[in-house]
């Protein structure tokens, strides 16, 4: 299983994108893997761990079978170039 989703809708204009771009890959060894990505603006005072937790919970809400998956890759970077 491979899919791409975002907790917020992304568009071609930067003004409608989140402040950060993220990529998260989860794997259930021998059963499946999902890589998802998108943009997101974390709430004021949020930490990197808060962002990771929120994004992982978003993926698990859409794919409950991934609740016990291993995190293979996580990236959270400022969106502007």
C-alpha atoms as a PDB file:
ATOM      1  CA  UNK A   1       0.000   0.000   0.000  1.00  0.00           C
ATOM      2  CA  UNK A   2       1.384   3.397  -0.983  1.00  0.00           C
ATOM      3  CA  UNK A   3      -0.583   6.610  -0.754  1.00  0.00           C
ATOM      4  CA  UNK A   4      -0.098  10.339  -0.539  1.00  0.00           C
ATOM      5  CA  UNK A   5      -2.351  12.625   1.481  1.00  0.00           C
ATOM      6  CA  UNK A   6      -2.159  15.803   3.471  1.00  0.00           C
ATOM      7  CA  UNK A   7      -3.950  17.106   6.551  1.00  0.00           C
ATOM      8  CA  UNK A   8      -4.393  20.359   4.669  1.00  0.00           C
ATOM      9  CA  UNK A   9      -5.141  20.956   1.032  1.00  0.00           C
ATOM     10  CA  UNK A  10      -2.140  22.123  -0.945  1.00  0.00           C
ATOM     11  CA  UNK A  11      -2.389  24.374  -3.956  1.00  0.00           C
ATOM     12  CA  UNK A  12      -0.075  25.815  -6.555  1.00  0.00           C
ATOM     13  CA  UNK A  13       0.140  29.179  -4.803  1.00  0.00           C
ATOM     14  CA  UNK A  14       2.404  29.478  -1.754  1.00  0.00           C
ATOM     15  CA  UNK A  15      -0.155  31.631   0.056  1.00  0.00           C
ATOM     16  CA  UNK A  16      -2.504  28.669   0.360  1.00  0.00           C
ATOM     17  CA  UNK A  17       0.185  26.197   1.432  1.00  0.00           C
ATOM     18  CA  UNK A  18       1.289  25.517   4.973  1.00  0.00           C
ATOM     19  CA  UNK A  19       4.442  26.959   6.470  1.00  0.00           C
ATOM     20  CA  UNK A  20       6.167  23.551   6.511  1.00  0.00           C
ATOM     21  CA  UNK A  21       6.471  20.667   4.049  1.00  0.00           C
ATOM     22  CA  UNK A  22       6.456  17.148   5.490  1.00  0.00           C
ATOM     23  CA  UNK A  23       7.074  13.556   4.375  1.00  0.00           C
ATOM     24  CA  UNK A  24       6.314  10.526   6.546  1.00  0.00           C
ATOM     25  CA  UNK A  25       6.834   6.850   5.668  1.00  0.00           C
ATOM     26  CA  UNK A  26       5.368   4.085   7.825  1.00  0.00           C
ATOM     27  CA  UNK A  27       5.932   0.353   7.337  1.00  0.00           C
ATOM     28  CA  UNK A  28       4.378  -2.827   8.602  1.00  0.00           C
ATOM     29  CA  UNK A  29       7.228  -5.265   7.848  1.00  0.00           C
ATOM     30  CA  UNK A  30       6.158  -7.815   5.266  1.00  0.00           C
ATOM     31  CA  UNK A  31       2.632  -6.368   5.122  1.00  0.00           C
ATOM     32  CA  UNK A  32       2.691  -2.871   3.683  1.00  0.00           C
ATOM     33  CA  UNK A  33       4.142   0.593   3.566  1.00  0.00           C
ATOM     34  CA  UNK A  34       2.733   4.069   3.088  1.00  0.00           C
ATOM     35  CA  UNK A  35       4.489   7.319   2.247  1.00  0.00           C
ATOM     36  CA  UNK A  36       2.463  10.470   2.623  1.00  0.00           C
ATOM     37  CA  UNK A  37       3.353  14.127   2.248  1.00  0.00           C
ATOM     38  CA  UNK A  38       1.885  17.582   2.332  1.00  0.00           C
ATOM     39  CA  UNK A  39       2.142  21.026   3.834  1.00  0.00           C
ATOM     40  CA  UNK A  40       1.058  22.097   7.286  1.00  0.00           C
ATOM     41  CA  UNK A  41       1.203  25.135   9.534  1.00  0.00           C
ATOM     42  CA  UNK A  42       1.795  23.989  13.102  1.00  0.00           C
ATOM     43  CA  UNK A  43       0.125  25.888  15.923  1.00  0.00           C
ATOM     44  CA  UNK A  44       2.177  28.527  17.752  1.00  0.00           C
ATOM     45  CA  UNK A  45       4.611  26.964  20.201  1.00  0.00           C
ATOM     46  CA  UNK A  46       4.436  23.492  18.617  1.00  0.00           C
ATOM     47  CA  UNK A  47       7.545  21.340  18.719  1.00  0.00           C
ATOM     48  CA  UNK A  48       8.916  18.992  16.082  1.00  0.00           C
ATOM     49  CA  UNK A  49       7.628  16.095  18.224  1.00  0.00           C
ATOM     50  CA  UNK A  50       4.151  17.668  18.314  1.00  0.00           C
ATOM     51  CA  UNK A  51       4.190  17.886  14.514  1.00  0.00           C
ATOM     52  CA  UNK A  52       5.366  14.279  14.141  1.00  0.00           C
ATOM     53  CA  UNK A  53       2.666  13.041  16.513  1.00  0.00           C
ATOM     54  CA  UNK A  54      -0.106  15.029  14.796  1.00  0.00           C
ATOM     55  CA  UNK A  55       0.938  13.914  11.309  1.00  0.00           C
ATOM     56  CA  UNK A  56       1.283  10.263  12.347  1.00  0.00           C
ATOM     57  CA  UNK A  57      -2.166  10.402  13.979  1.00  0.00           C
ATOM     58  CA  UNK A  58      -3.550  11.876  10.737  1.00  0.00           C
ATOM     59  CA  UNK A  59      -2.173   8.956   8.732  1.00  0.00           C
ATOM     60  CA  UNK A  60      -3.419   6.356  11.232  1.00  0.00           C
ATOM     61  CA  UNK A  61      -6.901   7.941  11.177  1.00  0.00           C
ATOM     62  CA  UNK A  62      -7.024   7.312   7.413  1.00  0.00           C
ATOM     63  CA  UNK A  63      -5.229   3.938   7.586  1.00  0.00           C
ATOM     64  CA  UNK A  64      -5.969   2.317  10.983  1.00  0.00           C
ATOM     65  CA  UNK A  65      -3.901  -0.744  10.085  1.00  0.00           C
ATOM     66  CA  UNK A  66      -0.799   1.486  10.314  1.00  0.00           C
ATOM     67  CA  UNK A  67      -1.297   2.186  14.050  1.00  0.00           C
ATOM     68  CA  UNK A  68       1.518  -0.210  15.006  1.00  0.00           C
ATOM     69  CA  UNK A  69       3.723   0.566  11.985  1.00  0.00           C
ATOM     70  CA  UNK A  70       7.393   1.462  12.219  1.00  0.00           C
ATOM     71  CA  UNK A  71       8.446   4.961  11.206  1.00  0.00           C
ATOM     72  CA  UNK A  72      10.918   4.584   8.352  1.00  0.00           C
ATOM     73  CA  UNK A  73      11.319   8.236   7.417  1.00  0.00           C
ATOM     74  CA  UNK A  74      10.146  11.624   8.717  1.00  0.00           C
ATOM     75  CA  UNK A  75      11.034  15.048   7.382  1.00  0.00           C
ATOM     76  CA  UNK A  76       9.623  18.436   8.391  1.00  0.00           C
ATOM     77  CA  UNK A  77      11.165  21.460   6.711  1.00  0.00           C
ATOM     78  CA  UNK A  78      10.187  25.113   6.266  1.00  0.00           C
ATOM     79  CA  UNK A  79       8.177  25.293   3.046  1.00  0.00           C
ATOM     80  CA  UNK A  80       9.604  28.475   1.462  1.00  0.00           C
ATOM     81  CA  UNK A  81      12.714  28.009  -0.672  1.00  0.00           C
END
